[in-house]
């Protein structure tokens, strides 16, 4: 099996291709401070870029896990998500509340897609 790692860093790869699948790391915003909507938009742009590196795209996402630091942020995040996600190819999805590594982060998103 051929494994391709994209955007390797000190502790993880941003994305990994294996066996026809693309696994992305949990992604957060870099431009802080920023609103929930701004952070979500930045993360979704990162997802687009990583999927493109793997010759995939958002229409091929099969699952997504979204972490928000306060469940009250869910509606704001969903507003941006719904403007971005392919409505004809909605992935399985979970959205949960979790403390993130940086108190200025409000959203983290991880997706898995096919090639």
N, C-alpha and C. Protein backbone atom coordinates (compact mmCIF):
# COMPACT_ATOMS: atom_id res chain seq x y z
N UNK A 1 0.85 -1.17 0.00
CA UNK A 1 0.00 0.00 0.00
C UNK A 1 0.89 1.24 0.00
N UNK A 2 0.55 2.19 -0.83
CA UNK A 2 1.28 3.45 -0.92
C UNK A 2 0.65 4.46 0.03
N UNK A 3 1.44 5.06 0.90
CA UNK A 3 0.97 6.08 1.83
C UNK A 3 1.67 7.40 1.50
N UNK A 4 0.88 8.46 1.34
CA UNK A 4 1.43 9.79 1.05
C UNK A 4 1.02 10.72 2.18
N UNK A 5 2.01 11.40 2.73
CA UNK A 5 1.76 12.34 3.83
C UNK A 5 1.93 13.77 3.33
N UNK A 6 0.94 14.60 3.65
CA UNK A 6 0.95 16.00 3.23
C UNK A 6 1.14 16.91 4.44
N UNK A 7 1.92 17.96 4.24
CA UNK A 7 2.15 18.98 5.27
C UNK A 7 2.61 18.38 6.59
N UNK A 8 3.68 17.55 6.57
CA UNK A 8 4.17 17.00 7.83
C UNK A 8 4.71 18.10 8.74
N UNK A 9 4.46 17.95 10.02
CA UNK A 9 4.94 18.90 11.02
C UNK A 9 5.60 18.11 12.15
N UNK A 10 5.89 18.78 13.23
CA UNK A 10 6.62 18.16 14.33
C UNK A 10 5.90 16.94 14.91
N UNK A 11 4.58 17.01 15.08
CA UNK A 11 3.86 15.91 15.75
C UNK A 11 2.80 15.23 14.90
N UNK A 12 2.57 15.71 13.67
CA UNK A 12 1.52 15.12 12.84
C UNK A 12 1.68 15.51 11.39
N UNK A 13 0.92 14.86 10.53
CA UNK A 13 0.79 15.28 9.14
C UNK A 13 -0.56 15.95 8.99
N UNK A 14 -0.62 16.98 8.17
CA UNK A 14 -1.89 17.66 7.94
C UNK A 14 -2.91 16.76 7.26
N UNK A 15 -2.41 15.88 6.40
CA UNK A 15 -3.27 14.93 5.71
C UNK A 15 -2.47 13.70 5.33
N UNK A 16 -3.15 12.59 5.27
CA UNK A 16 -2.52 11.32 4.88
C UNK A 16 -3.43 10.62 3.89
N UNK A 17 -2.84 10.22 2.75
CA UNK A 17 -3.56 9.41 1.76
C UNK A 17 -3.16 7.95 1.95
N UNK A 18 -4.15 7.08 2.00
CA UNK A 18 -3.88 5.64 2.11
C UNK A 18 -5.09 4.87 1.62
N UNK A 19 -4.85 3.90 0.76
CA UNK A 19 -5.89 2.98 0.32
C UNK A 19 -7.13 3.69 -0.24
N UNK A 20 -6.90 4.75 -1.02
CA UNK A 20 -8.01 5.46 -1.65
C UNK A 20 -8.75 6.43 -0.75
N UNK A 21 -8.24 6.63 0.46
CA UNK A 21 -8.87 7.54 1.41
C UNK A 21 -7.91 8.69 1.73
N UNK A 22 -8.49 9.80 2.19
CA UNK A 22 -7.72 10.96 2.62
C UNK A 22 -8.16 11.29 4.04
N UNK A 23 -7.21 11.23 4.96
CA UNK A 23 -7.47 11.49 6.38
C UNK A 23 -6.81 12.81 6.74
N UNK A 24 -7.61 13.78 7.18
CA UNK A 24 -7.04 15.07 7.58
C UNK A 24 -6.95 15.14 9.10
N UNK A 25 -5.92 15.83 9.57
CA UNK A 25 -5.79 16.10 11.00
C UNK A 25 -6.89 17.06 11.43
N UNK A 26 -7.11 17.14 12.73
CA UNK A 26 -7.99 18.18 13.24
C UNK A 26 -7.35 19.52 12.96
N UNK A 27 -8.08 20.41 12.32
CA UNK A 27 -7.53 21.70 11.87
C UNK A 27 -8.17 22.84 12.65
N UNK A 28 -7.34 23.82 13.00
CA UNK A 28 -7.80 25.01 13.70
C UNK A 28 -7.30 26.24 12.96
N UNK A 29 -7.84 27.38 13.34
CA UNK A 29 -7.44 28.65 12.73
C UNK A 29 -6.06 29.08 13.22
N UNK A 30 -5.35 29.81 12.38
CA UNK A 30 -4.06 30.40 12.73
C UNK A 30 -4.18 31.89 13.03
N UNK A 31 -5.15 32.53 12.38
CA UNK A 31 -5.30 33.98 12.51
C UNK A 31 -6.17 34.30 13.72
N UNK A 32 -5.52 34.56 14.84
CA UNK A 32 -6.22 34.80 16.10
C UNK A 32 -5.84 36.17 16.64
N UNK A 33 -6.72 36.81 17.39
CA UNK A 33 -8.07 36.38 17.70
C UNK A 33 -8.99 36.53 16.49
N UNK A 34 -10.04 35.73 16.48
CA UNK A 34 -11.02 35.75 15.40
C UNK A 34 -12.33 35.20 15.92
N UNK A 35 -13.42 35.57 15.27
CA UNK A 35 -14.74 35.10 15.67
C UNK A 35 -14.92 33.63 15.30
N UNK A 36 -15.97 33.03 15.80
CA UNK A 36 -16.30 31.64 15.46
C UNK A 36 -16.46 31.50 13.94
N UNK A 37 -17.17 32.44 13.33
CA UNK A 37 -17.38 32.38 11.88
C UNK A 37 -16.07 32.52 11.12
N UNK A 38 -15.22 33.44 11.54
CA UNK A 38 -13.93 33.63 10.88
C UNK A 38 -13.05 32.40 11.02
N UNK A 39 -13.03 31.82 12.21
CA UNK A 39 -12.23 30.62 12.43
C UNK A 39 -12.75 29.46 11.59
N UNK A 40 -14.06 29.30 11.54
CA UNK A 40 -14.64 28.22 10.74
C UNK A 40 -14.29 28.39 9.27
N UNK A 41 -14.41 29.60 8.75
CA UNK A 41 -14.08 29.86 7.34
C UNK A 41 -12.61 29.55 7.06
N UNK A 42 -11.72 29.93 7.98
CA UNK A 42 -10.30 29.66 7.77
C UNK A 42 -10.03 28.16 7.78
N UNK A 43 -10.64 27.44 8.70
CA UNK A 43 -10.45 25.99 8.77
C UNK A 43 -10.98 25.31 7.50
N UNK A 44 -12.14 25.73 7.02
CA UNK A 44 -12.70 25.13 5.82
C UNK A 44 -11.82 25.40 4.60
N UNK A 45 -11.20 26.57 4.54
CA UNK A 45 -10.26 26.86 3.46
C UNK A 45 -9.04 25.94 3.55
N UNK A 46 -8.57 25.67 4.76
CA UNK A 46 -7.46 24.73 4.94
C UNK A 46 -7.86 23.33 4.47
N UNK A 47 -9.10 22.93 4.78
CA UNK A 47 -9.58 21.62 4.34
C UNK A 47 -9.59 21.55 2.82
N UNK A 48 -10.11 22.59 2.17
CA UNK A 48 -10.10 22.64 0.71
C UNK A 48 -8.69 22.46 0.16
N UNK A 49 -7.72 23.17 0.73
CA UNK A 49 -6.35 23.12 0.24
C UNK A 49 -5.72 21.74 0.45
N UNK A 50 -5.93 21.14 1.61
CA UNK A 50 -5.36 19.81 1.86
C UNK A 50 -6.01 18.75 0.99
N UNK A 51 -7.32 18.84 0.80
CA UNK A 51 -7.99 17.87 -0.08
C UNK A 51 -7.48 18.02 -1.51
N UNK A 52 -7.26 19.24 -1.94
CA UNK A 52 -6.74 19.46 -3.30
C UNK A 52 -5.36 18.83 -3.48
N UNK A 53 -4.51 18.90 -2.44
CA UNK A 53 -3.19 18.26 -2.52
C UNK A 53 -3.32 16.76 -2.76
N UNK A 54 -4.41 16.19 -2.28
CA UNK A 54 -4.64 14.74 -2.41
C UNK A 54 -5.56 14.41 -3.59
N UNK A 55 -5.78 15.37 -4.48
CA UNK A 55 -6.68 15.18 -5.63
C UNK A 55 -8.08 14.76 -5.18
N UNK A 56 -8.58 15.43 -4.15
CA UNK A 56 -9.93 15.19 -3.65
C UNK A 56 -10.59 16.54 -3.47
N UNK A 57 -11.82 16.54 -2.98
CA UNK A 57 -12.51 17.79 -2.72
C UNK A 57 -13.65 17.55 -1.74
N UNK A 58 -14.32 18.63 -1.33
CA UNK A 58 -15.35 18.54 -0.29
C UNK A 58 -16.53 17.65 -0.67
N UNK A 59 -16.78 17.44 -1.96
CA UNK A 59 -17.88 16.55 -2.35
C UNK A 59 -17.57 15.09 -2.04
N UNK A 60 -16.31 14.80 -1.72
CA UNK A 60 -15.89 13.43 -1.43
C UNK A 60 -15.68 13.17 0.05
N UNK A 61 -16.04 14.15 0.89
CA UNK A 61 -15.93 13.96 2.34
C UNK A 61 -16.98 12.95 2.78
N UNK A 62 -16.54 11.94 3.51
CA UNK A 62 -17.48 10.92 4.01
C UNK A 62 -17.81 11.12 5.48
N UNK A 63 -16.92 11.73 6.25
CA UNK A 63 -17.23 12.00 7.65
C UNK A 63 -16.50 13.24 8.13
N UNK A 64 -17.10 13.89 9.11
CA UNK A 64 -16.52 15.08 9.71
C UNK A 64 -16.78 15.06 11.21
N UNK A 65 -15.79 15.47 11.96
CA UNK A 65 -15.95 15.67 13.40
C UNK A 65 -15.60 17.12 13.68
N UNK A 66 -16.50 17.79 14.37
CA UNK A 66 -16.32 19.21 14.67
C UNK A 66 -16.36 19.38 16.19
N UNK A 67 -15.36 20.08 16.68
CA UNK A 67 -15.31 20.41 18.10
C UNK A 67 -15.51 21.90 18.24
N UNK A 68 -16.41 22.31 19.14
CA UNK A 68 -16.59 23.72 19.49
C UNK A 68 -16.38 23.84 21.00
N UNK A 69 -15.82 24.96 21.42
CA UNK A 69 -15.53 25.11 22.85
C UNK A 69 -16.76 25.44 23.67
N UNK A 70 -17.82 25.85 23.01
CA UNK A 70 -19.08 26.14 23.69
C UNK A 70 -20.19 25.77 22.71
N UNK A 71 -21.12 24.93 23.11
CA UNK A 71 -22.16 24.47 22.19
C UNK A 71 -23.00 25.63 21.64
N UNK A 72 -22.97 26.76 22.34
CA UNK A 72 -23.69 27.94 21.83
C UNK A 72 -23.05 28.48 20.55
N UNK A 73 -21.81 28.06 20.23
CA UNK A 73 -21.15 28.47 18.99
C UNK A 73 -21.60 27.64 17.79
N UNK A 74 -22.35 26.58 18.06
CA UNK A 74 -22.74 25.64 17.00
C UNK A 74 -23.50 26.33 15.86
N UNK A 75 -24.44 27.20 16.19
CA UNK A 75 -25.22 27.86 15.14
C UNK A 75 -24.36 28.75 14.25
N UNK A 76 -23.43 29.50 14.85
CA UNK A 76 -22.54 30.35 14.05
C UNK A 76 -21.64 29.50 13.16
N UNK A 77 -21.10 28.42 13.73
CA UNK A 77 -20.25 27.53 12.94
C UNK A 77 -21.07 26.91 11.81
N UNK A 78 -22.29 26.44 12.12
CA UNK A 78 -23.14 25.81 11.11
C UNK A 78 -23.49 26.76 9.98
N UNK A 79 -23.64 28.04 10.27
CA UNK A 79 -23.95 29.01 9.22
C UNK A 79 -22.85 29.02 8.16
N UNK A 80 -21.59 29.00 8.60
CA UNK A 80 -20.46 28.97 7.67
C UNK A 80 -20.36 27.60 7.02
N UNK A 81 -20.50 26.54 7.80
CA UNK A 81 -20.43 25.16 7.29
C UNK A 81 -21.45 24.96 6.17
N UNK A 82 -22.69 25.39 6.38
CA UNK A 82 -23.75 25.18 5.38
C UNK A 82 -23.50 25.97 4.10
N UNK A 83 -22.79 27.09 4.20
CA UNK A 83 -22.43 27.85 3.01
C UNK A 83 -21.27 27.24 2.24
N UNK A 84 -20.57 26.31 2.88
CA UNK A 84 -19.39 25.68 2.27
C UNK A 84 -19.64 24.25 1.83
N UNK A 85 -20.28 23.45 2.63
CA UNK A 85 -20.43 22.01 2.36
C UNK A 85 -21.23 21.78 1.08
N UNK A 86 -20.93 20.69 0.38
CA UNK A 86 -21.67 20.32 -0.83
C UNK A 86 -23.02 19.74 -0.41
N UNK A 87 -24.13 20.45 -0.64
CA UNK A 87 -25.44 19.98 -0.15
C UNK A 87 -25.89 18.67 -0.80
N UNK A 88 -25.34 18.33 -1.96
CA UNK A 88 -25.70 17.07 -2.62
C UNK A 88 -24.89 15.90 -2.08
N UNK A 89 -23.87 16.19 -1.28
CA UNK A 89 -22.97 15.14 -0.78
C UNK A 89 -22.62 15.40 0.68
N UNK A 90 -23.64 15.47 1.52
CA UNK A 90 -23.40 15.74 2.94
C UNK A 90 -22.71 14.55 3.61
N UNK A 91 -21.67 14.81 4.39
CA UNK A 91 -20.98 13.72 5.09
C UNK A 91 -21.71 13.33 6.37
N UNK A 92 -21.37 12.17 6.90
CA UNK A 92 -21.75 11.85 8.27
C UNK A 92 -21.00 12.86 9.14
N UNK A 93 -21.61 13.29 10.26
CA UNK A 93 -20.98 14.37 11.01
C UNK A 93 -21.32 14.28 12.49
N UNK A 94 -20.36 14.66 13.31
CA UNK A 94 -20.58 14.84 14.74
C UNK A 94 -20.09 16.23 15.12
N UNK A 95 -20.77 16.85 16.06
CA UNK A 95 -20.36 18.15 16.59
C UNK A 95 -20.44 18.05 18.10
N UNK A 96 -19.30 18.22 18.75
CA UNK A 96 -19.24 18.07 20.20
C UNK A 96 -18.54 19.27 20.84
N UNK A 97 -18.75 19.42 22.12
CA UNK A 97 -18.09 20.46 22.88
C UNK A 97 -16.82 19.91 23.49
N UNK A 98 -15.75 20.70 23.38
CA UNK A 98 -14.46 20.27 23.93
C UNK A 98 -13.58 21.48 24.19
N UNK A 99 -12.75 21.38 25.19
CA UNK A 99 -11.74 22.40 25.42
C UNK A 99 -10.64 22.20 24.38
N UNK A 100 -10.19 23.27 23.74
CA UNK A 100 -9.11 23.19 22.76
C UNK A 100 -7.81 23.69 23.38
N UNK A 101 -6.69 23.44 22.71
CA UNK A 101 -5.37 23.70 23.27
C UNK A 101 -5.11 25.18 23.55
N UNK A 102 -5.71 26.06 22.77
CA UNK A 102 -5.51 27.50 22.92
C UNK A 102 -6.85 28.12 23.29
N UNK A 103 -6.92 28.92 24.35
CA UNK A 103 -8.22 29.50 24.75
C UNK A 103 -8.81 30.46 23.72
N UNK A 104 -8.03 30.89 22.73
CA UNK A 104 -8.56 31.75 21.67
C UNK A 104 -9.16 30.96 20.52
N UNK A 105 -9.03 29.63 20.56
CA UNK A 105 -9.63 28.78 19.53
C UNK A 105 -11.04 28.40 19.95
N UNK A 106 -11.96 28.45 18.99
CA UNK A 106 -13.35 28.10 19.25
C UNK A 106 -13.81 26.88 18.47
N UNK A 107 -13.09 26.55 17.37
CA UNK A 107 -13.54 25.50 16.44
C UNK A 107 -12.35 24.67 15.99
N UNK A 108 -12.54 23.36 15.93
CA UNK A 108 -11.58 22.44 15.30
C UNK A 108 -12.39 21.47 14.45
N UNK A 109 -11.90 21.19 13.24
CA UNK A 109 -12.62 20.30 12.33
C UNK A 109 -11.67 19.27 11.76
N UNK A 110 -12.11 18.02 11.72
CA UNK A 110 -11.37 16.91 11.13
C UNK A 110 -12.28 16.23 10.14
N UNK A 111 -11.76 15.90 8.95
CA UNK A 111 -12.57 15.20 7.95
C UNK A 111 -11.80 14.02 7.36
N UNK A 112 -12.58 13.09 6.84
CA UNK A 112 -12.07 11.96 6.08
C UNK A 112 -12.80 11.97 4.76
N UNK A 113 -12.07 11.78 3.66
CA UNK A 113 -12.66 11.83 2.33
C UNK A 113 -12.11 10.68 1.48
N UNK A 114 -12.79 10.43 0.38
CA UNK A 114 -12.28 9.48 -0.61
C UNK A 114 -11.48 10.27 -1.64
N UNK A 115 -10.70 9.54 -2.43
CA UNK A 115 -9.92 10.17 -3.51
C UNK A 115 -10.83 10.46 -4.68
